[in-house]
Protein backbone atom coordinates (compact mmCIF):
# COMPACT_ATOMS: atom_id res chain seq x y z
CA UNK A 1 22.96 72.00 249.42
CA UNK A 2 24.68 74.09 246.82
CA UNK A 3 28.48 73.68 246.83
CA UNK A 4 29.33 77.33 246.06
CA UNK A 5 28.33 80.52 247.57
CA UNK A 6 26.00 82.94 245.69
CA UNK A 7 28.93 85.21 244.77
CA UNK A 8 31.03 82.35 243.29
CA UNK A 9 27.91 81.22 241.31
CA UNK A 10 27.38 84.68 240.03
CA UNK A 11 31.02 85.02 239.03
CA UNK A 12 31.01 81.68 237.30
CA UNK A 13 28.03 82.68 235.18
CA UNK A 14 29.68 86.03 234.37
CA UNK A 15 32.90 84.30 233.15
CA UNK A 16 30.63 82.29 230.70
CA UNK A 17 29.05 85.62 229.54
CA UNK A 18 25.79 85.00 231.26
CA UNK A 19 23.72 86.23 234.26
CA UNK A 20 21.78 84.50 236.97
CA UNK A 21 18.15 85.19 236.22
CA UNK A 22 16.08 85.35 239.46
CA UNK A 23 12.84 87.36 239.41
CA UNK A 24 11.10 87.35 242.76
CA UNK A 25 8.20 85.36 241.49
CA UNK A 26 5.84 83.51 243.85
CA UNK A 27 2.36 84.95 243.77
CA UNK A 28 1.81 84.41 239.98
CA UNK A 29 2.19 80.71 240.65
CA UNK A 30 -0.98 80.75 242.73
CA UNK A 31 -2.84 82.33 239.86
CA UNK A 32 -1.41 79.76 237.38
CA UNK A 33 -2.58 76.75 239.42
CA UNK A 34 -5.97 78.39 240.02
CA UNK A 35 -5.54 78.47 243.83
CA UNK A 36 -5.64 81.60 246.10
CA UNK A 37 -3.13 83.27 248.31
CA UNK A 38 -4.92 82.50 251.65
CA UNK A 39 -5.12 78.84 250.81
CA UNK A 40 -1.52 78.60 249.65
CA UNK A 41 -0.19 80.41 252.77
CA UNK A 42 -2.06 78.13 255.08
CA UNK A 43 -1.82 74.80 253.21
CA UNK A 44 1.76 73.83 252.41
CA UNK A 45 0.65 71.27 249.74
CA UNK A 46 -1.01 74.10 247.80
CA UNK A 47 1.89 76.35 248.46
CA UNK A 48 4.37 73.92 247.05
CA UNK A 49 2.11 73.25 244.07
CA UNK A 50 2.36 76.92 243.13
CA UNK A 51 6.10 77.17 243.67
CA UNK A 52 6.69 73.89 241.69
CA UNK A 53 4.72 75.34 238.79
CA UNK A 54 6.85 78.52 238.89
CA UNK A 55 10.10 76.35 238.93
CA UNK A 56 9.15 74.15 235.95
CA UNK A 57 7.15 76.75 233.94
CA UNK A 58 9.80 79.59 234.03
CA UNK A 59 13.02 77.84 235.24
CA UNK A 60 14.43 80.75 237.33
CA UNK A 61 17.95 80.30 238.80
CA UNK A 62 16.56 81.05 242.29
CA UNK A 63 13.05 80.34 243.60
CA UNK A 64 11.49 81.63 246.76
CA UNK A 65 8.14 80.76 248.50
CA UNK A 66 5.40 83.36 248.76
CA UNK A 67 6.55 86.55 250.45
CA UNK A 68 4.79 86.94 253.75
CA UNK A 69 5.83 89.63 256.36
CA UNK A 70 3.38 88.57 258.96
CA UNK A 71 4.70 85.04 259.95
CA UNK A 72 6.83 85.94 262.91
CA UNK A 73 4.44 88.54 264.40
CA UNK A 74 1.60 86.04 263.96
CA UNK A 75 3.64 83.32 265.78
CA UNK A 76 3.98 85.83 268.61
CA UNK A 77 0.25 86.17 268.97
CA UNK A 78 -0.48 89.31 267.06
CA UNK A 79 -3.91 89.53 265.48
CA UNK A 80 -3.55 88.67 261.70
CA UNK A 81 -5.98 89.00 258.88
CA UNK A 82 -5.92 86.54 256.05
CA UNK A 83 -7.51 87.98 252.85
CA UNK A 84 -8.39 85.45 250.14
CA UNK A 85 -6.45 87.19 247.38
CA UNK A 86 -3.81 89.06 249.20
CA UNK A 87 -1.02 88.33 251.62
CA UNK A 88 -1.71 88.19 255.36
CA UNK A 89 -1.56 91.47 257.27
CA UNK A 90 -1.16 92.49 260.92
CA UNK A 91 -3.42 95.43 261.65
CA UNK A 92 -2.43 97.95 264.31
CA UNK A 93 -3.50 97.07 267.87
CA UNK A 94 -2.39 97.84 271.38
CA UNK A 95 0.84 96.27 272.63
CA UNK A 96 2.23 96.38 276.17
CA UNK A 97 5.93 95.83 276.34
CA UNK A 98 5.28 93.81 279.54
CA UNK A 99 3.80 91.07 277.34
CA UNK A 100 7.34 90.18 276.15
CA UNK A 101 8.11 88.31 279.39
CA UNK A 102 5.06 85.94 278.60
CA UNK A 103 6.24 85.65 275.05
CA UNK A 104 9.84 84.61 275.80
CA UNK A 105 8.79 81.06 276.44
CA UNK A 106 6.83 80.66 273.18
CA UNK A 107 8.42 78.00 270.95
CA UNK A 108 7.64 79.21 267.46
CA UNK A 109 8.57 75.80 265.98
CA UNK A 110 5.06 74.73 267.13
CA UNK A 111 3.31 77.56 265.34
CA UNK A 112 1.14 76.29 262.48
CA UNK A 113 2.04 79.01 259.96
CA UNK A 114 5.72 78.81 260.83
CA UNK A 115 5.62 75.05 260.24
CA UNK A 116 3.62 75.51 257.13
CA UNK A 117 6.48 77.49 255.53
CA UNK A 118 8.96 75.01 256.96
CA UNK A 119 7.12 72.10 255.35
CA UNK A 120 6.94 74.00 252.08
CA UNK A 121 10.69 74.39 252.18
CA UNK A 122 11.06 70.67 252.78
CA UNK A 123 9.03 69.96 249.68
CA UNK A 124 11.03 72.47 247.67
CA UNK A 125 14.24 70.87 248.85
CA UNK A 126 13.28 67.52 247.32
CA UNK A 127 10.77 68.38 244.64
CA UNK A 128 12.44 71.06 242.52
CA UNK A 129 15.12 70.72 239.83
CA UNK A 130 18.56 70.35 241.35
CA UNK A 131 20.05 73.38 239.61
CA UNK A 132 17.57 75.83 241.15
CA UNK A 133 18.75 77.55 244.33
CA UNK A 134 16.12 77.24 247.11
CA UNK A 135 15.54 80.54 248.75
CA UNK A 136 13.43 81.33 251.90
CA UNK A 137 12.23 84.64 253.44
CA UNK A 138 12.39 85.90 256.99
CA UNK A 139 11.12 89.30 258.16
CA UNK A 140 13.66 91.70 259.40
CA UNK A 141 13.72 92.65 263.16
CA UNK A 142 12.70 96.32 262.75
CA UNK A 143 9.84 95.34 260.44
CA UNK A 144 8.60 92.75 262.92
CA UNK A 145 8.65 95.29 265.75
CA UNK A 146 6.79 97.79 263.43
CA UNK A 147 4.08 95.21 262.92
CA UNK A 148 3.78 94.57 266.70
CA UNK A 149 3.65 98.11 267.94
CA UNK A 150 2.80 100.05 264.75
CA UNK A 151 5.08 101.65 262.12
CA UNK A 152 4.63 105.18 263.39
CA UNK A 153 5.29 104.20 267.00
CA UNK A 154 8.50 102.32 265.94
CA UNK A 155 9.75 105.33 263.99
CA UNK A 156 9.11 107.71 266.93
CA UNK A 157 10.73 105.22 269.31
CA UNK A 158 14.02 105.54 267.45
CA UNK A 159 14.39 109.04 268.88
CA UNK A 160 12.00 109.22 271.88
CA UNK A 161 12.33 105.60 273.42
CA UNK A 162 15.36 103.90 271.90
CA UNK A 163 15.86 101.72 274.94
CA UNK A 164 12.43 100.13 274.54
CA UNK A 165 12.96 99.73 270.83
CA UNK A 166 16.30 97.95 271.31
CA UNK A 167 14.62 95.68 273.89
CA UNK A 168 11.93 94.74 271.34
CA UNK A 169 14.36 94.29 268.41
CA UNK A 170 16.60 92.11 270.53
CA UNK A 171 13.70 89.95 271.51
CA UNK A 172 12.23 89.41 267.96
CA UNK A 173 15.74 88.84 266.66
CA UNK A 174 16.00 85.72 268.72
CA UNK A 175 12.61 84.39 267.43
CA UNK A 176 13.62 85.22 263.86
CA UNK A 177 16.90 83.37 264.28
CA UNK A 178 14.97 80.26 265.52
CA UNK A 179 12.74 80.54 262.36
CA UNK A 180 15.82 80.86 260.05
CA UNK A 181 17.34 77.74 261.65
CA UNK A 182 14.10 75.84 260.94
CA UNK A 183 14.14 76.90 257.30
CA UNK A 184 17.82 75.99 256.88
CA UNK A 185 17.20 72.54 258.43
CA UNK A 186 14.37 72.11 255.97
CA UNK A 187 16.70 72.78 253.00
CA UNK A 188 16.92 76.52 252.43
CA UNK A 189 20.02 77.52 250.57
CA UNK A 190 19.54 81.21 250.63
CA UNK A 191 17.95 83.32 253.28
CA UNK A 192 16.45 86.73 252.38
CA UNK A 193 15.79 89.22 255.18
CA UNK A 194 12.80 91.36 254.35
CA UNK A 195 13.04 94.73 256.03
CA UNK A 196 10.73 97.00 254.13
CA UNK A 197 9.62 99.26 257.07
CA UNK A 198 13.25 100.25 257.79
CA UNK A 199 13.43 102.25 254.60
CA UNK A 200 11.84 105.25 256.42
CA UNK A 201 14.94 105.42 258.81
CA UNK A 202 17.92 107.63 258.45
CA UNK A 203 21.39 105.95 258.03
CA UNK A 204 22.24 106.12 261.78
CA UNK A 205 18.85 104.81 262.83
CA UNK A 206 18.93 102.07 260.16
CA UNK A 207 22.38 101.07 261.44
CA UNK A 208 21.25 100.72 265.07
CA UNK A 209 17.75 99.34 264.71
CA UNK A 210 18.01 97.18 261.62
CA UNK A 211 21.52 96.41 260.41
CA UNK A 212 22.85 95.66 263.91
CA UNK A 213 20.19 93.04 264.49
CA UNK A 214 20.37 91.60 260.94
CA UNK A 215 24.10 91.08 261.70
CA UNK A 216 23.11 88.89 264.70
CA UNK A 217 21.02 86.73 262.43
CA UNK A 218 23.81 86.44 259.88
CA UNK A 219 26.36 85.52 262.64
CA UNK A 220 24.05 82.72 263.85
CA UNK A 221 23.69 81.07 260.44
CA UNK A 222 26.92 81.91 258.65
CA UNK A 223 28.60 78.49 259.40
CA UNK A 224 25.64 76.63 257.81
CA UNK A 225 26.84 77.30 254.27
CA UNK A 226 23.66 79.43 253.66
CA UNK A 227 24.04 82.91 252.14
CA UNK A 228 22.04 85.86 253.17
CA UNK A 229 20.24 88.67 251.29
CA UNK A 230 19.10 91.99 252.58
CA UNK A 231 15.87 93.26 250.85
CA UNK A 232 14.48 96.67 251.59
CA UNK A 233 11.78 98.32 249.48
CA UNK A 234 11.70 101.84 248.28
CA UNK A 235 14.68 104.25 247.79
CA UNK A 236 17.60 102.83 249.73
CA UNK A 237 20.39 104.84 248.14
CA UNK A 238 21.03 106.48 251.47
CA UNK A 239 21.18 103.08 253.26
CA UNK A 240 23.55 101.05 251.00
CA UNK A 241 26.63 101.49 253.24
CA UNK A 242 24.75 100.30 256.37
CA UNK A 243 23.34 97.33 254.45
CA UNK A 244 26.83 96.33 253.29
CA UNK A 245 28.27 96.77 256.75
CA UNK A 246 25.82 94.37 258.29
CA UNK A 247 27.96 91.51 256.87
CA UNK A 248 25.31 90.41 254.31
CA UNK A 249 26.21 88.42 251.26
CA UNK A 250 23.78 90.12 248.88
CA UNK A 251 21.50 93.10 248.47
CA UNK A 252 18.09 92.98 246.89
CA UNK A 253 16.90 96.45 245.80
CA UNK A 254 13.78 98.14 244.57
CA UNK A 255 13.27 99.71 241.10
CA UNK A 256 14.74 102.76 239.53
CA UNK A 257 11.31 104.37 239.67
CA UNK A 258 11.67 104.28 243.42
CA UNK A 259 15.05 106.11 243.17
CA UNK A 260 17.46 103.11 243.16
CA UNK A 261 19.93 103.51 240.30
CA UNK A 262 21.58 100.08 239.89
CA UNK A 263 24.72 101.31 238.11
CA UNK A 264 25.44 103.79 240.90
CA UNK A 265 24.86 101.06 243.54
CA UNK A 266 27.24 98.71 241.70
CA UNK A 267 29.89 101.37 241.62
CA UNK A 268 29.48 101.92 245.33
CA UNK A 269 29.21 98.32 246.62
CA UNK A 270 32.36 96.11 247.07
CA UNK A 271 32.51 93.40 244.44
CA UNK A 272 32.41 90.70 247.11
CA UNK A 273 28.76 91.61 247.74
CA UNK A 274 26.13 90.49 245.29
CA UNK A 275 23.49 92.97 244.15
CA UNK A 276 20.07 91.80 242.88
CA UNK A 277 17.35 93.93 241.19
CA UNK A 278 15.67 95.91 240.02
CA UNK A 279 12.99 95.78 237.27
CA UNK A 280 9.78 97.37 238.54
CA UNK A 281 7.27 94.63 239.52
CA UNK A 282 4.23 96.76 238.97
CA UNK A 283 4.88 99.49 236.41
CA UNK A 284 6.84 97.13 234.18
CA UNK A 285 6.05 93.51 234.93
CA UNK A 286 2.34 93.89 235.63
CA UNK A 287 1.36 96.57 233.18
CA UNK A 288 3.76 96.58 230.27
CA UNK A 289 3.87 94.49 227.07
CA UNK A 290 6.32 91.55 226.73
CA UNK A 291 8.27 93.72 224.24
CA UNK A 292 8.58 96.60 226.76
CA UNK A 293 9.65 94.18 229.47
CA UNK A 294 12.27 92.72 227.19
CA UNK A 295 13.60 96.22 226.41
CA UNK A 296 13.82 97.30 230.03
CA UNK A 297 15.59 94.01 230.96
CA UNK A 298 18.15 94.50 228.12
CA UNK A 299 18.72 98.13 229.04
CA UNK A 300 19.37 97.14 232.67
CA UNK A 301 21.76 94.36 231.63
CA UNK A 302 23.64 96.87 229.40
CA UNK A 303 24.00 99.19 232.39
CA UNK A 304 25.32 96.43 234.65
CA UNK A 305 27.53 94.50 232.07
CA UNK A 306 30.77 95.48 233.75
CA UNK A 307 29.96 94.03 237.20
CA UNK A 308 30.34 90.26 237.84
CA UNK A 309 28.49 90.55 241.18
CA UNK A 310 25.07 91.38 239.68
CA UNK A 311 22.01 89.17 239.44
CA UNK A 312 19.06 90.06 237.26
CA UNK A 313 15.96 90.26 239.40
CA UNK A 314 12.82 92.29 240.06
CA UNK A 315 12.64 95.12 242.63
CA UNK A 316 10.15 93.09 244.80
CA UNK A 317 7.83 90.07 244.56
CA UNK A 318 5.63 90.08 241.54
CA UNK A 319 1.94 90.82 241.79
CA UNK A 320 -0.34 87.70 241.51
CA UNK A 321 -1.95 89.00 238.26
CA UNK A 322 1.46 89.50 236.48
CA UNK A 323 1.01 88.22 232.90
CA UNK A 324 2.73 84.88 232.23
CA UNK A 325 4.01 86.32 228.90
CA UNK A 326 5.92 89.11 230.86
CA UNK A 327 7.55 86.66 233.16
CA UNK A 328 8.58 84.54 230.14
CA UNK A 329 9.91 87.73 228.39
CA UNK A 330 11.97 88.65 231.43
CA UNK A 331 13.44 85.10 231.72
CA UNK A 332 14.14 84.74 227.97
CA UNK A 333 15.81 88.12 227.61
CA UNK A 334 17.97 87.44 230.69
CA UNK A 335 18.95 84.04 229.41
CA UNK A 336 19.74 85.22 225.86
CA UNK A 337 21.80 88.23 226.93
CA UNK A 338 25.55 87.66 226.26
CA UNK A 339 28.29 89.56 228.12
CA UNK A 340 31.52 90.12 226.19
CA UNK A 341 34.35 89.57 228.69
């Protein structure tokens, strides 16, 4: 387990004129080891093989497993589709709130996919270089509920049926906390809460149906020595205050193309909160040349050079087909950049 929190580590690097370099890179590892996403997400040996390749090939400062939003909903019995070359998805299907009473007694620690990720984390805890921070993902409460009842229904419920929505968010929060505890016991040093669906909410709705429940998760694990990250895709500029107020240790934010201006965020966020991001994973990392990737990384580092609480990262997880040369250009440019303190 790391001895310092993520803010202290970022500040230590900054004092040395450097940045933590942590692209959200999992899926390209599957491509490199010539496996496929379905196999890796259901076979923890294959999963770890891909993550280990990422760790030793690119040497990021933080490494996460494959991003998968469906784990908790699947563990609660929702129909899940497993494409060969894409992450698992939960298609919309009818859900009766009365089913919650039957689901309350489900012990998700016996779910095969939950345990697959837990076993992957165990292998990461012992099989990766000691200086790499081991991260893990959990899905945010609102996003899990949106998978269970449908994104449109969840959004409408914020105004038309808030009592039902709170009931569902409270229920899934307890299951997510159980999952987080399993991951921490397996060796996770950083827990990232993925809450992409909540980006469609206004600030007040986000506060009540996402940040409030994320705070419950944070409160349940804060004495473990594990830090927490709040990741929301899309333009979150209107939600930054609510994300900070959740008690989170770090924010992971999408790209400038999505409307997130990192320099403006850093001016707004207290310096005791780490901010990660926000090179575009598709437009830049997938489609540009290594030279263009390097230029965009340097430009971003120039814009953020006055803020010790910044970590160089991507706006979201990289696509499987991201060129290896682009990932290496990202890492190399981040490593070579020197901050004049």
